[in-house]
């Protein structure tokens, strides 16, 4: 517990608007739990910066001249970057949300998110937990559908429990502790959940879970 509290989460901000970058830097630097390592004005520069600075979390805008967010997210994922990408944008259209999640974003928030929500989301992203704003989740459920098998298999009671905890932003380690199982078993359950729902990752599984009434 003490270690978690003492941990400083490092960030890189990628946004084409200087005012936005300045605002985010000021916001995060005012809290001792965060440190902004650098800023970039487009996705290409952002990828290079992340490669050099290796931050815990990348705050990534989507539509930027000189290099958009989705190709940058895909490039970071392809390179096996340790950094988690949290999309922070004004866009919540279908053509923005799903490609960003599919490219490898850990979460997706809109820029009107309150400060506390943003801080919580960054901490969750740093731990590898999926973060979706309600507006984005509703967008995703309208798009992420798998009408054909194997996406129609029903989840077991334990798999549903695991998915419910994932939807709450719970990490694999925390799920293991709560359900009194090993992290390896959690990963096995998640593999089954993804296969049964036809989901590529945690965010997609949560979206499909809401869409089908498995969650909420």
Protein backbone atom coordinates (compact mmCIF):
# COMPACT_ATOMS: atom_id res chain seq x y z
CA UNK A 1 0.00 0.00 0.00
CA UNK A 2 2.78 2.43 0.93
CA UNK A 3 4.66 1.56 -2.26
CA UNK A 4 1.56 2.27 -4.41
CA UNK A 5 1.01 5.63 -2.73
CA UNK A 6 4.65 6.59 -3.15
CA UNK A 7 4.73 5.67 -6.82
CA UNK A 8 5.08 8.56 -9.25
CA UNK A 9 3.35 7.93 -12.59
CA UNK A 10 5.24 9.38 -15.54
CA UNK A 11 3.46 10.76 -18.60
CA UNK A 12 3.98 12.00 -22.13
CA UNK A 13 1.32 14.30 -23.59
CA UNK A 14 0.63 14.14 -27.33
CA UNK A 15 -1.69 16.90 -28.56
CA UNK A 16 -1.48 19.44 -31.37
CA UNK A 17 -2.79 22.33 -29.26
CA UNK A 18 -0.12 24.06 -27.11
CA UNK A 19 -2.78 25.41 -24.73
CA UNK A 20 -4.06 21.88 -24.09
CA UNK A 21 -0.54 20.55 -23.51
CA UNK A 22 0.26 23.42 -21.13
CA UNK A 23 -2.99 22.87 -19.24
CA UNK A 24 -2.43 19.14 -18.85
CA UNK A 25 1.20 19.63 -17.79
CA UNK A 26 0.17 22.19 -15.19
CA UNK A 27 -2.61 19.96 -13.90
CA UNK A 28 -0.47 16.85 -13.52
CA UNK A 29 2.65 18.62 -12.28
CA UNK A 30 0.59 20.14 -9.48
CA UNK A 31 0.10 16.64 -8.05
CA UNK A 32 3.18 14.89 -6.59
CA UNK A 33 1.83 11.56 -7.82
CA UNK A 34 2.48 12.46 -11.46
CA UNK A 35 5.34 13.77 -13.56
CA UNK A 36 5.08 14.90 -17.20
CA UNK A 37 8.29 13.88 -18.95
CA UNK A 38 7.61 15.51 -22.29
CA UNK A 39 5.16 16.73 -24.92
CA UNK A 40 4.67 16.16 -28.64
CA UNK A 41 2.42 17.90 -31.17
CA UNK A 42 1.63 14.87 -33.36
CA UNK A 43 1.65 11.09 -33.37
CA UNK A 44 4.94 10.63 -35.20
CA UNK A 45 6.83 12.86 -32.76
CA UNK A 46 4.92 11.21 -29.93
CA UNK A 47 6.13 7.73 -30.86
CA UNK A 48 9.73 8.94 -30.96
CA UNK A 49 9.34 10.70 -27.61
CA UNK A 50 7.82 7.63 -25.97
CA UNK A 51 10.69 5.51 -27.29
CA UNK A 52 13.18 7.88 -25.65
CA UNK A 53 11.43 8.62 -22.37
CA UNK A 54 9.53 5.35 -21.68
CA UNK A 55 6.64 6.91 -19.70
CA UNK A 56 4.08 4.88 -17.78
CA UNK A 57 1.17 6.51 -19.62
CA UNK A 58 0.74 8.40 -22.89
CA UNK A 59 -2.14 10.89 -23.12
CA UNK A 60 -2.93 10.75 -26.84
CA UNK A 61 -5.15 13.02 -28.92
CA UNK A 62 -6.50 11.52 -32.15
CA UNK A 63 -6.79 14.05 -34.96
CA UNK A 64 -3.46 15.86 -35.31
CA UNK A 65 -1.75 17.37 -38.37
CA UNK A 66 1.49 15.59 -39.16
CA UNK A 67 0.45 12.27 -37.64
CA UNK A 68 -2.79 11.10 -36.03
CA UNK A 69 -3.27 9.22 -32.80
CA UNK A 70 -4.52 5.87 -34.14
CA UNK A 71 -1.42 5.14 -36.30
CA UNK A 72 0.75 6.21 -33.36
CA UNK A 73 -1.08 3.85 -30.99
CA UNK A 74 -0.71 1.01 -33.48
CA UNK A 75 3.00 1.78 -33.91
CA UNK A 76 3.59 1.75 -30.15
CA UNK A 77 1.72 -1.53 -29.83
CA UNK A 78 3.71 -3.01 -32.71
CA UNK A 79 6.97 -2.00 -31.02
CA UNK A 80 5.85 -3.65 -27.79
CA UNK A 81 6.07 -0.37 -25.89
CA UNK A 82 5.61 -0.66 -22.13
CA UNK A 83 3.68 2.60 -22.00
CA UNK A 84 -0.10 2.46 -21.75
CA UNK A 85 -1.99 4.77 -24.09
CA UNK A 86 -4.98 6.70 -22.76
CA UNK A 87 -6.82 8.53 -25.53
CA UNK A 88 -7.89 12.02 -24.46
CA UNK A 89 -9.86 13.73 -27.20
CA UNK A 90 -12.96 15.73 -28.03
CA UNK A 91 -14.14 13.10 -30.53
CA UNK A 92 -16.47 10.26 -29.58
CA UNK A 93 -17.76 9.28 -33.02
CA UNK A 94 -17.88 5.66 -34.15
CA UNK A 95 -15.06 6.28 -36.62
CA UNK A 96 -12.78 7.45 -33.80
CA UNK A 97 -13.50 5.23 -30.81
CA UNK A 98 -13.32 1.72 -32.22
CA UNK A 99 -10.15 2.15 -34.33
CA UNK A 100 -8.34 3.64 -31.32
CA UNK A 101 -9.31 0.73 -29.07
CA UNK A 102 -8.50 -1.80 -31.78
CA UNK A 103 -5.10 -0.18 -32.33
CA UNK A 104 -4.21 -0.88 -28.71
CA UNK A 105 -5.39 2.02 -26.55
CA UNK A 106 -5.85 1.04 -22.91
CA UNK A 107 -8.58 3.63 -22.43
CA UNK A 108 -10.57 6.42 -24.03
CA UNK A 109 -11.69 9.61 -22.30
CA UNK A 110 -13.18 12.86 -23.54
CA UNK A 111 -11.53 16.19 -22.77
CA UNK A 112 -14.50 17.37 -20.74
CA UNK A 113 -13.68 14.75 -18.08
CA UNK A 114 -13.30 16.28 -14.59
CA UNK A 115 -9.79 16.50 -13.14
CA UNK A 116 -10.38 13.74 -10.57
CA UNK A 117 -11.77 11.41 -13.22
CA UNK A 118 -8.74 12.03 -15.41
CA UNK A 119 -6.33 11.37 -12.54
CA UNK A 120 -8.16 8.15 -11.66
CA UNK A 121 -8.12 7.09 -15.31
CA UNK A 122 -4.37 7.68 -15.63
CA UNK A 123 -3.68 5.64 -12.50
CA UNK A 124 -5.89 2.84 -13.81
CA UNK A 125 -4.22 2.95 -17.23
CA UNK A 126 -0.78 2.79 -15.59
CA UNK A 127 -1.92 -0.45 -13.94
CA UNK A 128 -3.10 -1.81 -17.29
CA UNK A 129 -6.78 -1.45 -16.50
CA UNK A 130 -9.31 -0.54 -19.17
CA UNK A 131 -10.85 2.93 -18.85
CA UNK A 132 -13.83 4.01 -20.95
CA UNK A 133 -15.90 7.14 -20.47
CA UNK A 134 -19.67 6.40 -20.38
CA UNK A 135 -20.19 8.26 -23.66
CA UNK A 136 -17.51 6.22 -25.37
CA UNK A 137 -18.79 2.95 -23.91
CA UNK A 138 -22.23 3.67 -25.36
CA UNK A 139 -20.63 4.38 -28.74
CA UNK A 140 -18.69 1.15 -28.63
CA UNK A 141 -21.64 -1.06 -27.78
CA UNK A 142 -23.45 0.17 -30.87
CA UNK A 143 -20.53 -0.91 -33.04
CA UNK A 144 -18.93 -3.92 -31.41
CA UNK A 145 -21.18 -6.82 -32.38
CA UNK A 146 -20.37 -10.42 -33.25
CA UNK A 147 -23.52 -12.02 -34.69
CA UNK A 148 -21.88 -15.27 -35.70
CA UNK A 149 -20.40 -18.10 -33.69
CA UNK A 150 -18.13 -18.43 -31.75
CA UNK A 151 -19.17 -15.06 -30.37
CA UNK A 152 -22.52 -16.33 -29.11
CA UNK A 153 -21.32 -18.88 -26.56
CA UNK A 154 -22.56 -18.18 -23.04
CA UNK A 155 -20.13 -17.35 -20.25
CA UNK A 156 -19.77 -19.49 -17.17
CA UNK A 157 -20.62 -17.97 -13.80
CA UNK A 158 -16.91 -17.51 -13.02
CA UNK A 159 -16.19 -15.96 -16.42
CA UNK A 160 -19.05 -13.53 -15.86
CA UNK A 161 -17.61 -12.62 -12.45
CA UNK A 162 -14.23 -11.93 -14.04
CA UNK A 163 -15.80 -9.80 -16.79
CA UNK A 164 -17.79 -7.80 -14.23
CA UNK A 165 -14.59 -7.02 -12.33
CA UNK A 166 -12.80 -6.06 -15.55
CA UNK A 167 -15.67 -3.65 -16.30
CA UNK A 168 -15.02 -1.99 -12.93
CA UNK A 169 -11.41 -1.39 -13.92
CA UNK A 170 -10.01 -4.12 -11.69
CA UNK A 171 -6.54 -5.41 -12.53
CA UNK A 172 -5.74 -9.12 -12.94
CA UNK A 173 -3.91 -9.11 -9.61
CA UNK A 174 -6.90 -7.56 -7.83
CA UNK A 175 -9.31 -9.99 -9.52
CA UNK A 176 -7.16 -12.89 -8.37
CA UNK A 177 -7.19 -11.61 -4.78
CA UNK A 178 -10.93 -10.97 -4.78
CA UNK A 179 -11.86 -14.37 -6.24
CA UNK A 180 -9.12 -16.28 -4.37
CA UNK A 181 -7.58 -17.64 -7.54
CA UNK A 182 -4.17 -17.21 -9.19
CA UNK A 183 -3.37 -14.53 -11.76
CA UNK A 184 -2.69 -17.31 -14.26
CA UNK A 185 -6.25 -18.59 -13.73
CA UNK A 186 -7.61 -15.07 -14.23
CA UNK A 187 -5.74 -14.86 -17.55
CA UNK A 188 -7.18 -18.24 -18.57
CA UNK A 189 -10.71 -17.07 -17.78
CA UNK A 190 -10.12 -13.88 -19.76
CA UNK A 191 -8.86 -15.88 -22.74
CA UNK A 192 -12.10 -17.89 -22.65
CA UNK A 193 -14.18 -14.71 -22.29
CA UNK A 194 -12.49 -13.10 -25.30
CA UNK A 195 -12.99 -16.25 -27.39
CA UNK A 196 -16.65 -16.67 -26.43
CA UNK A 197 -17.51 -13.02 -27.00
CA UNK A 198 -15.38 -12.67 -30.11
CA UNK A 199 -13.51 -9.82 -28.42
CA UNK A 200 -9.95 -8.73 -29.17
CA UNK A 201 -9.17 -7.22 -25.78
CA UNK A 202 -10.54 -6.14 -22.40
CA UNK A 203 -12.19 -2.96 -23.68
CA UNK A 204 -14.00 -4.78 -26.48
CA UNK A 205 -15.11 -7.55 -24.09
CA UNK A 206 -16.60 -4.96 -21.72
CA UNK A 207 -18.37 -3.20 -24.59
CA UNK A 208 -19.83 -6.48 -25.86
CA UNK A 209 -20.79 -7.44 -22.31
CA UNK A 210 -22.87 -4.28 -21.94
CA UNK A 211 -24.31 -4.67 -25.42
CA UNK A 212 -25.57 -8.17 -24.69
CA UNK A 213 -26.87 -7.43 -21.23
CA UNK A 214 -24.22 -9.60 -19.55
CA UNK A 215 -23.11 -6.47 -17.68
CA UNK A 216 -25.56 -4.02 -16.16
